[in-house]
PDB file of N, CA and C in Angstrom:
ATOM      1  N   MET A   1     -77.855 -24.360 -23.128  1.00  0.00           N
ATOM      2  CA  MET A   1     -78.947 -25.200 -22.677  1.00  0.00           C
ATOM      3  C   MET A   1     -78.557 -26.677 -22.851  1.00  0.00           C
ATOM      4  N   THR A   2     -77.909 -26.984 -23.997  1.00  0.00           N
ATOM      5  CA  THR A   2     -77.515 -28.368 -24.199  1.00  0.00           C
ATOM      6  C   THR A   2     -76.520 -28.857 -23.171  1.00  0.00           C
ATOM      7  N   VAL A   3     -75.605 -27.971 -22.806  1.00  0.00           N
ATOM      8  CA  VAL A   3     -74.550 -28.351 -21.809  1.00  0.00           C
ATOM      9  C   VAL A   3     -75.240 -28.644 -20.465  1.00  0.00           C
ATOM     10  N   TYR A   4     -76.143 -27.853 -20.083  1.00  0.00           N
ATOM     11  CA  TYR A   4     -76.859 -28.050 -18.807  1.00  0.00           C
ATOM     12  C   TYR A   4     -77.614 -29.336 -18.796  1.00  0.00           C
ATOM     13  N   LEU A   5     -78.295 -29.612 -19.908  1.00  0.00           N
ATOM     14  CA  LEU A   5     -79.065 -30.835 -20.026  1.00  0.00           C
ATOM     15  C   LEU A   5     -78.152 -32.064 -20.001  1.00  0.00           C
ATOM     16  N   SER A   6     -76.980 -31.971 -20.666  1.00  0.00           N
ATOM     17  CA  SER A   6     -76.037 -33.060 -20.604  1.00  0.00           C
ATOM     18  C   SER A   6     -75.506 -33.310 -19.189  1.00  0.00           C
ATOM     19  N   ILE A   7     -75.172 -32.297 -18.487  1.00  0.00           N
ATOM     20  CA  ILE A   7     -74.696 -32.411 -17.140  1.00  0.00           C
ATOM     21  C   ILE A   7     -75.781 -32.989 -16.251  1.00  0.00           C
ATOM     22  N   ILE A   8     -76.999 -32.632 -16.428  1.00  0.00           N
ATOM     23  CA  ILE A   8     -78.086 -33.160 -15.582  1.00  0.00           C
ATOM     24  C   ILE A   8     -78.287 -34.615 -15.898  1.00  0.00           C
ATOM     25  N   ILE A   9     -78.241 -35.036 -17.160  1.00  0.00           N
ATOM     26  CA  ILE A   9     -78.446 -36.445 -17.508  1.00  0.00           C
ATOM     27  C   ILE A   9     -77.258 -37.267 -16.975  1.00  0.00           C
ATOM     28  N   LEU A  10     -76.062 -36.779 -17.113  1.00  0.00           N
ATOM     29  CA  LEU A  10     -74.907 -37.458 -16.616  1.00  0.00           C
ATOM     30  C   LEU A  10     -74.967 -37.603 -15.102  1.00  0.00           C
ATOM     31  N   GLY A  11     -75.392 -36.596 -14.405  1.00  0.00           N
ATOM     32  CA  GLY A  11     -75.542 -36.641 -12.962  1.00  0.00           C
ATOM     33  C   GLY A  11     -76.559 -37.651 -12.527  1.00  0.00           C
ATOM     34  N   ILE A  12     -77.674 -37.693 -13.240  1.00  0.00           N
ATOM     35  CA  ILE A  12     -78.706 -38.709 -12.941  1.00  0.00           C
ATOM     36  C   ILE A  12     -78.228 -40.107 -13.159  1.00  0.00           C
ATOM     37  N   ALA A  13     -77.437 -40.328 -14.243  1.00  0.00           N
ATOM     38  CA  ALA A  13     -76.826 -41.647 -14.500  1.00  0.00           C
ATOM     39  C   ALA A  13     -75.883 -42.036 -13.419  1.00  0.00           C
ATOM     40  N   ILE A  14     -74.997 -41.188 -12.990  1.00  0.00           N
ATOM     41  CA  ILE A  14     -74.011 -41.431 -11.939  1.00  0.00           C
ATOM     42  C   ILE A  14     -74.715 -41.715 -10.660  1.00  0.00           C
ATOM     43  N   PHE A  15     -75.785 -40.980 -10.342  1.00  0.00           N
ATOM     44  CA  PHE A  15     -76.549 -41.190  -9.105  1.00  0.00           C
ATOM     45  C   PHE A  15     -77.253 -42.505  -9.145  1.00  0.00           C
ATOM     46  N   GLY A  16     -77.809 -42.883 -10.284  1.00  0.00           N
ATOM     47  CA  GLY A  16     -78.462 -44.184 -10.382  1.00  0.00           C
ATOM     48  C   GLY A  16     -77.529 -45.308 -10.225  1.00  0.00           C
ATOM     49  N   LEU A  17     -76.332 -45.208 -10.831  1.00  0.00           N
ATOM     50  CA  LEU A  17     -75.344 -46.298 -10.681  1.00  0.00           C
ATOM     51  C   LEU A  17     -74.855 -46.419  -9.245  1.00  0.00           C
ATOM     52  N   SER A  18     -74.667 -45.287  -8.544  1.00  0.00           N
ATOM     53  CA  SER A  18     -74.201 -45.349  -7.172  1.00  0.00           C
ATOM     54  C   SER A  18     -75.284 -45.909  -6.279  1.00  0.00           C
ATOM     55  N   ILE A  19     -76.525 -45.635  -6.510  1.00  0.00           N
ATOM     56  CA  ILE A  19     -77.607 -46.231  -5.738  1.00  0.00           C
ATOM     57  C   ILE A  19     -77.635 -47.739  -5.932  1.00  0.00           C
ATOM     58  N   GLY A  20     -77.382 -48.208  -7.158  1.00  0.00           N
ATOM     59  CA  GLY A  20     -77.335 -49.618  -7.438  1.00  0.00           C
ATOM     60  C   GLY A  20     -76.168 -50.293  -6.663  1.00  0.00           C
ATOM     61  N   VAL A  21     -75.041 -49.664  -6.569  1.00  0.00           N
ATOM     62  CA  VAL A  21     -73.885 -50.202  -5.822  1.00  0.00           C
ATOM     63  C   VAL A  21     -74.213 -50.242  -4.379  1.00  0.00           C
ATOM     64  N   ILE A  22     -74.812 -49.235  -3.876  1.00  0.00           N
ATOM     65  CA  ILE A  22     -75.086 -49.099  -2.406  1.00  0.00           C
ATOM     66  C   ILE A  22     -76.087 -50.220  -1.981  1.00  0.00           C
ATOM     67  N   PHE A  23     -77.138 -50.351  -2.770  1.00  0.00           N
ATOM     68  CA  PHE A  23     -78.171 -51.334  -2.421  1.00  0.00           C
ATOM     69  C   PHE A  23     -77.786 -52.749  -2.727  1.00  0.00           C
ATOM     70  N   ASN A  24     -76.830 -52.960  -3.621  1.00  0.00           N
ATOM     71  CA  ASN A  24     -76.355 -54.288  -3.913  1.00  0.00           C
ATOM     72  C   ASN A  24     -75.544 -54.872  -2.758  1.00  0.00           C
ATOM     73  N   ASP A  25     -74.965 -54.032  -1.929  1.00  0.00           N
ATOM     74  CA  ASP A  25     -74.224 -54.359  -0.707  1.00  0.00           C
ATOM     75  C   ASP A  25     -73.047 -55.290  -0.964  1.00  0.00           C
ATOM     76  N   LYS A  26     -72.396 -55.116  -2.114  1.00  0.00           N
ATOM     77  CA  LYS A  26     -71.206 -55.877  -2.388  1.00  0.00           C
ATOM     78  C   LYS A  26     -70.122 -54.891  -2.869  1.00  0.00           C
ATOM     79  N   PRO A  27     -68.853 -55.136  -2.601  1.00  0.00           N
ATOM     80  CA  PRO A  27     -67.802 -54.209  -3.089  1.00  0.00           C
ATOM     81  C   PRO A  27     -67.683 -54.295  -4.599  1.00  0.00           C
ATOM     82  N   ILE A  28     -67.218 -53.228  -5.169  1.00  0.00           N
ATOM     83  CA  ILE A  28     -67.003 -53.168  -6.617  1.00  0.00           C
ATOM     84  C   ILE A  28     -65.777 -54.066  -6.912  1.00  0.00           C
ATOM     85  N   GLN A  29     -65.891 -54.915  -7.959  1.00  0.00           N
ATOM     86  CA  GLN A  29     -64.845 -55.849  -8.302  1.00  0.00           C
ATOM     87  C   GLN A  29     -64.332 -55.545  -9.683  1.00  0.00           C
ATOM     88  N   GLY A  30     -63.116 -55.867  -9.976  1.00  0.00           N
ATOM     89  CA  GLY A  30     -62.559 -55.791 -11.288  1.00  0.00           C
ATOM     90  C   GLY A  30     -62.883 -57.045 -12.087  1.00  0.00           C
ATOM     91  N   SER A  31     -62.312 -57.071 -13.264  1.00  0.00           N
ATOM     92  CA  SER A  31     -62.570 -58.262 -14.086  1.00  0.00           C
ATOM     93  C   SER A  31     -61.703 -59.446 -13.643  1.00  0.00           C
ATOM     94  N   CYS A  32     -62.009 -60.642 -14.160  1.00  0.00           N
ATOM     95  CA  CYS A  32     -61.221 -61.802 -13.802  1.00  0.00           C
ATOM     96  C   CYS A  32     -59.919 -61.904 -14.552  1.00  0.00           C
ATOM     97  N   GLY A  33     -59.847 -61.259 -15.720  1.00  0.00           N
ATOM     98  CA  GLY A  33     -58.714 -61.418 -16.565  1.00  0.00           C
ATOM     99  C   GLY A  33     -57.820 -60.142 -16.468  1.00  0.00           C
ATOM    100  N   GLY A  34     -56.987 -60.008 -17.477  1.00  0.00           N
ATOM    101  CA  GLY A  34     -56.146 -58.855 -17.553  1.00  0.00           C
ATOM    102  C   GLY A  34     -54.796 -59.041 -16.893  1.00  0.00           C
ATOM    103  N   ILE A  35     -54.120 -57.962 -16.666  1.00  0.00           N
ATOM    104  CA  ILE A  35     -52.742 -57.974 -16.120  1.00  0.00           C
ATOM    105  C   ILE A  35     -52.771 -58.503 -14.676  1.00  0.00           C
ATOM    106  N   GLY A  36     -53.831 -58.175 -13.942  1.00  0.00           N
ATOM    107  CA  GLY A  36     -53.898 -58.586 -12.529  1.00  0.00           C
ATOM    108  C   GLY A  36     -53.958 -60.064 -12.365  1.00  0.00           C
ATOM    109  N   ALA A  37     -54.383 -60.820 -13.384  1.00  0.00           N
ATOM    110  CA  ALA A  37     -54.546 -62.277 -13.242  1.00  0.00           C
ATOM    111  C   ALA A  37     -53.239 -63.013 -13.577  1.00  0.00           C
ATOM    112  N   ASP A  38     -52.187 -62.314 -13.973  1.00  0.00           N
ATOM    113  CA  ASP A  38     -50.925 -62.976 -14.381  1.00  0.00           C
ATOM    114  C   ASP A  38     -50.116 -63.444 -13.166  1.00  0.00           C
ATOM    115  N   GLU A  39     -50.196 -62.754 -12.057  1.00  0.00           N
ATOM    116  CA  GLU A  39     -49.411 -63.118 -10.881  1.00  0.00           C
ATOM    117  C   GLU A  39     -50.274 -63.840  -9.874  1.00  0.00           C
ATOM    118  N   SER A  40     -49.633 -64.709  -9.046  1.00  0.00           N
ATOM    119  CA  SER A  40     -50.373 -65.314  -7.999  1.00  0.00           C
ATOM    120  C   SER A  40     -50.372 -64.415  -6.787  1.00  0.00           C
ATOM    121  N   CYS A  41     -51.373 -64.562  -5.990  1.00  0.00           N
ATOM    122  CA  CYS A  41     -51.553 -63.748  -4.812  1.00  0.00           C
ATOM    123  C   CYS A  41     -50.516 -64.121  -3.712  1.00  0.00           C
ATOM    124  N   THR A  42     -49.953 -63.163  -3.066  1.00  0.00           N
ATOM    125  CA  THR A  42     -48.968 -63.484  -2.043  1.00  0.00           C
ATOM    126  C   THR A  42     -49.609 -63.991  -0.744  1.00  0.00           C
ATOM    127  N   ILE A  43     -50.867 -63.722  -0.573  1.00  0.00           N
ATOM    128  CA  ILE A  43     -51.568 -64.191   0.646  1.00  0.00           C
ATOM    129  C   ILE A  43     -52.046 -65.604   0.509  1.00  0.00           C
ATOM    130  N   CYS A  44     -52.718 -65.897  -0.594  1.00  0.00           N
ATOM    131  CA  CYS A  44     -53.322 -67.238  -0.750  1.00  0.00           C
ATOM    132  C   CYS A  44     -52.520 -68.148  -1.713  1.00  0.00           C
ATOM    133  N   GLY A  45     -51.565 -67.626  -2.396  1.00  0.00           N
ATOM    134  CA  GLY A  45     -50.779 -68.427  -3.342  1.00  0.00           C
ATOM    135  C   GLY A  45     -51.542 -68.888  -4.585  1.00  0.00           C
ATOM    136  N   GLY A  46     -52.625 -68.200  -4.934  1.00  0.00           N
ATOM    137  CA  GLY A  46     -53.437 -68.550  -6.060  1.00  0.00           C
ATOM    138  C   GLY A  46     -54.543 -69.549  -5.809  1.00  0.00           C
ATOM    139  N   ASP A  47     -54.741 -69.961  -4.545  1.00  0.00           N
ATOM    140  CA  ASP A  47     -55.804 -70.836  -4.167  1.00  0.00           C
ATOM    141  C   ASP A  47     -57.060 -70.036  -3.880  1.00  0.00           C
ATOM    142  N   THR A  48     -58.039 -70.079  -4.801  1.00  0.00           N
ATOM    143  CA  THR A  48     -59.216 -69.249  -4.628  1.00  0.00           C
ATOM    144  C   THR A  48     -60.043 -69.628  -3.376  1.00  0.00           C
ATOM    145  N   GLU A  49     -60.072 -70.879  -2.995  1.00  0.00           N
ATOM    146  CA  GLU A  49     -60.782 -71.303  -1.820  1.00  0.00           C
ATOM    147  C   GLU A  49     -60.213 -70.632  -0.519  1.00  0.00           C
ATOM    148  N   LYS A  50     -58.869 -70.535  -0.466  1.00  0.00           N
ATOM    149  CA  LYS A  50     -58.218 -69.894   0.629  1.00  0.00           C
ATOM    150  C   LYS A  50     -58.550 -68.422   0.679  1.00  0.00           C
ATOM    151  N   CYS A  51     -58.586 -67.774  -0.525  1.00  0.00           N
ATOM    152  CA  CYS A  51     -58.943 -66.393  -0.618  1.00  0.00           C
ATOM    153  C   CYS A  51     -60.364 -66.110  -0.109  1.00  0.00           C
ATOM    154  N   ASP A  52     -61.295 -67.011  -0.495  1.00  0.00           N
ATOM    155  CA  ASP A  52     -62.641 -66.848  -0.037  1.00  0.00           C
ATOM    156  C   ASP A  52     -62.782 -66.973   1.470  1.00  0.00           C
ATOM    157  N   SER A  53     -61.976 -67.833   2.115  1.00  0.00           N
ATOM    158  CA  SER A  53     -62.020 -67.960   3.529  1.00  0.00           C
ATOM    159  C   SER A  53     -61.335 -66.826   4.257  1.00  0.00           C
ATOM    160  N   LEU A  54     -60.436 -66.121   3.612  1.00  0.00           N
ATOM    161  CA  LEU A  54     -59.754 -64.971   4.203  1.00  0.00           C
ATOM    162  C   LEU A  54     -60.507 -63.630   3.980  1.00  0.00           C
ATOM    163  N   GLU A  55     -61.589 -63.721   3.228  1.00  0.00           N
ATOM    164  CA  GLU A  55     -62.272 -62.481   2.817  1.00  0.00           C
ATOM    165  C   GLU A  55     -62.763 -61.638   4.022  1.00  0.00           C
ATOM    166  N   GLY A  56     -63.218 -62.254   5.102  1.00  0.00           N
ATOM    167  CA  GLY A  56     -63.676 -61.501   6.224  1.00  0.00           C
ATOM    168  C   GLY A  56     -62.597 -61.049   7.159  1.00  0.00           C
ATOM    169  N   VAL A  57     -61.355 -61.388   6.920  1.00  0.00           N
ATOM    170  CA  VAL A  57     -60.235 -61.084   7.834  1.00  0.00           C
ATOM    171  C   VAL A  57     -59.823 -59.649   7.710  1.00  0.00           C
TER     172      VAL A  57
END
């Protein structure tokens, strides 16, 4: 019984989070720091304004 209840609660939580992502209408993003922030982008060369203008491309 406990296992079923845990699965149901976990399913409701995942469903709720996915609904939030869908209705927020923005792509999921990673954090600003970490290993990904060590290198500059090959497309924009690290210029964030250029990245913002290329977002719709």
